[in-house]
Amino acid sequence: MTGIVIFNVLMIALAAAVGSALVPTNRISSMLEWLHAIIGITPPAPEKSKLFALVWIGSMIAIVDGLLFLLVFLTLRAMGSR
């Protein structure tokens, strides 16, 4: 439980740092280019890199929390059916 809370706090802190320009735009842009190259999609324009970084962070929060919720939900349903 503590790990989930720490993950969410760190991801929100990262989003706040990206959104408030504490992280330089060129660093965000280079990381997004690297991430998009691995996946095989076109990287965003440098002026849109902050928005895309926030979308990626929000997506990761939703995916991780959704999977953990699904794991707990299915585990409780399986244990309750015994």
C-alpha atoms as a PDB file:
ATOM      1  CA  MET A   1       0.000   0.000   0.000  1.00  0.00           C
ATOM      2  CA  THR A   2       2.831   2.356   0.852  1.00  0.00           C
ATOM      3  CA  GLY A   3       4.464   1.654  -2.495  1.00  0.00           C
ATOM      4  CA  ILE A   4       1.318   2.667  -4.376  1.00  0.00           C
ATOM      5  CA  VAL A   5       1.078   5.939  -2.475  1.00  0.00           C
ATOM      6  CA  ILE A   6       4.776   6.684  -2.988  1.00  0.00           C
ATOM      7  CA  PHE A   7       4.475   5.925  -6.724  1.00  0.00           C
ATOM      8  CA  ASN A   8       1.522   8.288  -7.097  1.00  0.00           C
ATOM      9  CA  VAL A   9       3.183  11.067  -5.089  1.00  0.00           C
ATOM     10  CA  LEU A  10       6.394  10.791  -7.121  1.00  0.00           C
ATOM     11  CA  MET A  11       4.536  10.776 -10.437  1.00  0.00           C
ATOM     12  CA  ILE A  12       2.482  13.829  -9.428  1.00  0.00           C
ATOM     13  CA  ALA A  13       5.681  15.568  -8.281  1.00  0.00           C
ATOM     14  CA  LEU A  14       7.274  14.741 -11.641  1.00  0.00           C
ATOM     15  CA  ALA A  15       4.239  16.137 -13.465  1.00  0.00           C
ATOM     16  CA  ALA A  16       4.398  19.300 -11.352  1.00  0.00           C
ATOM     17  CA  ALA A  17       8.121  19.682 -12.102  1.00  0.00           C
ATOM     18  CA  VAL A  18       7.515  19.261 -15.828  1.00  0.00           C
ATOM     19  CA  GLY A  19       4.489  21.553 -15.825  1.00  0.00           C
ATOM     20  CA  SER A  20       6.164  24.339 -13.881  1.00  0.00           C
ATOM     21  CA  ALA A  21       9.320  24.310 -16.064  1.00  0.00           C
ATOM     22  CA  LEU A  22      11.657  23.040 -13.310  1.00  0.00           C
ATOM     23  CA  VAL A  23      12.805  20.420 -15.817  1.00  0.00           C
ATOM     24  CA  PRO A  24      14.409  22.029 -18.897  1.00  0.00           C
ATOM     25  CA  THR A  25      12.442  21.708 -22.127  1.00  0.00           C
ATOM     26  CA  ASN A  26      15.413  20.319 -24.064  1.00  0.00           C
ATOM     27  CA  ARG A  27      15.753  17.463 -21.551  1.00  0.00           C
ATOM     28  CA  ILE A  28      12.045  16.657 -21.814  1.00  0.00           C
ATOM     29  CA  SER A  29      12.252  16.788 -25.610  1.00  0.00           C
ATOM     30  CA  SER A  30      15.251  14.451 -25.761  1.00  0.00           C
ATOM     31  CA  MET A  31      13.625  11.943 -23.405  1.00  0.00           C
ATOM     32  CA  LEU A  32      10.425  11.964 -25.449  1.00  0.00           C
ATOM     33  CA  GLU A  33      12.388  11.474 -28.673  1.00  0.00           C
ATOM     34  CA  TRP A  34      14.096   8.471 -27.093  1.00  0.00           C
ATOM     35  CA  LEU A  35      10.793   7.029 -25.822  1.00  0.00           C
ATOM     36  CA  HIS A  36       9.030   7.522 -29.151  1.00  0.00           C
ATOM     37  CA  ALA A  37      11.990   6.001 -31.041  1.00  0.00           C
ATOM     38  CA  ILE A  38      11.769   2.859 -28.903  1.00  0.00           C
ATOM     39  CA  ILE A  39       8.047   2.531 -29.561  1.00  0.00           C
ATOM     40  CA  GLY A  40       8.461   3.428 -33.234  1.00  0.00           C
ATOM     41  CA  ILE A  41       6.220   6.477 -33.461  1.00  0.00           C
ATOM     42  CA  THR A  42       6.933  10.016 -34.579  1.00  0.00           C
ATOM     43  CA  PRO A  43       8.246  12.240 -31.751  1.00  0.00           C
ATOM     44  CA  PRO A  44       6.373  15.458 -30.969  1.00  0.00           C
ATOM     45  CA  ALA A  45       7.589  18.898 -31.949  1.00  0.00           C
ATOM     46  CA  PRO A  46       9.867  20.489 -29.306  1.00  0.00           C
ATOM     47  CA  GLU A  47       7.288  23.178 -28.466  1.00  0.00           C
ATOM     48  CA  LYS A  48       4.704  20.457 -27.664  1.00  0.00           C
ATOM     49  CA  SER A  49       7.058  18.283 -25.615  1.00  0.00           C
ATOM     50  CA  LYS A  50       5.824  19.555 -22.236  1.00  0.00           C
ATOM     51  CA  LEU A  51       2.209  18.654 -23.070  1.00  0.00           C
ATOM     52  CA  PHE A  52       3.211  15.224 -24.374  1.00  0.00           C
ATOM     53  CA  ALA A  53       5.287  14.549 -21.247  1.00  0.00           C
ATOM     54  CA  LEU A  54       2.291  15.382 -19.064  1.00  0.00           C
ATOM     55  CA  VAL A  55       0.105  13.066 -21.149  1.00  0.00           C
ATOM     56  CA  TRP A  56       2.644  10.242 -20.785  1.00  0.00           C
ATOM     57  CA  ILE A  57       2.852  10.751 -17.011  1.00  0.00           C
ATOM     58  CA  GLY A  58      -0.935  10.807 -16.660  1.00  0.00           C
ATOM     59  CA  SER A  59      -1.226   7.691 -18.802  1.00  0.00           C
ATOM     60  CA  MET A  60       1.305   5.840 -16.676  1.00  0.00           C
ATOM     61  CA  ILE A  61      -0.535   6.760 -13.486  1.00  0.00           C
ATOM     62  CA  ALA A  62      -3.841   5.559 -14.959  1.00  0.00           C
ATOM     63  CA  ILE A  63      -2.353   2.310 -16.287  1.00  0.00           C
ATOM     64  CA  VAL A  64      -0.499   1.358 -13.095  1.00  0.00           C
ATOM     65  CA  ASP A  65      -3.363   2.286 -10.764  1.00  0.00           C
ATOM     66  CA  GLY A  66      -5.894   0.585 -13.049  1.00  0.00           C
ATOM     67  CA  LEU A  67      -3.897  -2.636 -13.162  1.00  0.00           C
ATOM     68  CA  LEU A  68      -3.418  -2.653  -9.394  1.00  0.00           C
ATOM     69  CA  PHE A  69      -7.144  -2.043  -8.870  1.00  0.00           C
ATOM     70  CA  LEU A  70      -7.961  -4.863 -11.281  1.00  0.00           C
ATOM     71  CA  LEU A  71      -5.536  -7.199  -9.493  1.00  0.00           C
ATOM     72  CA  VAL A  72      -7.054  -6.444  -6.085  1.00  0.00           C
ATOM     73  CA  PHE A  73     -10.626  -6.654  -7.423  1.00  0.00           C
ATOM     74  CA  LEU A  74     -10.080 -10.000  -9.129  1.00  0.00           C
ATOM     75  CA  THR A  75      -8.177 -11.414  -6.180  1.00  0.00           C
ATOM     76  CA  LEU A  76     -10.955 -10.453  -3.761  1.00  0.00           C
ATOM     77  CA  ARG A  77     -13.582 -11.921  -6.108  1.00  0.00           C
ATOM     78  CA  ALA A  78     -11.628 -15.184  -6.402  1.00  0.00           C
ATOM     79  CA  MET A  79     -11.112 -15.438  -2.653  1.00  0.00           C
ATOM     80  CA  GLY A  80     -14.740 -14.607  -1.901  1.00  0.00           C
ATOM     81  CA  SER A  81     -16.063 -17.372  -4.143  1.00  0.00           C
ATOM     82  CA  ARG A  82     -14.504 -20.138  -2.062  1.00  0.00           C
END
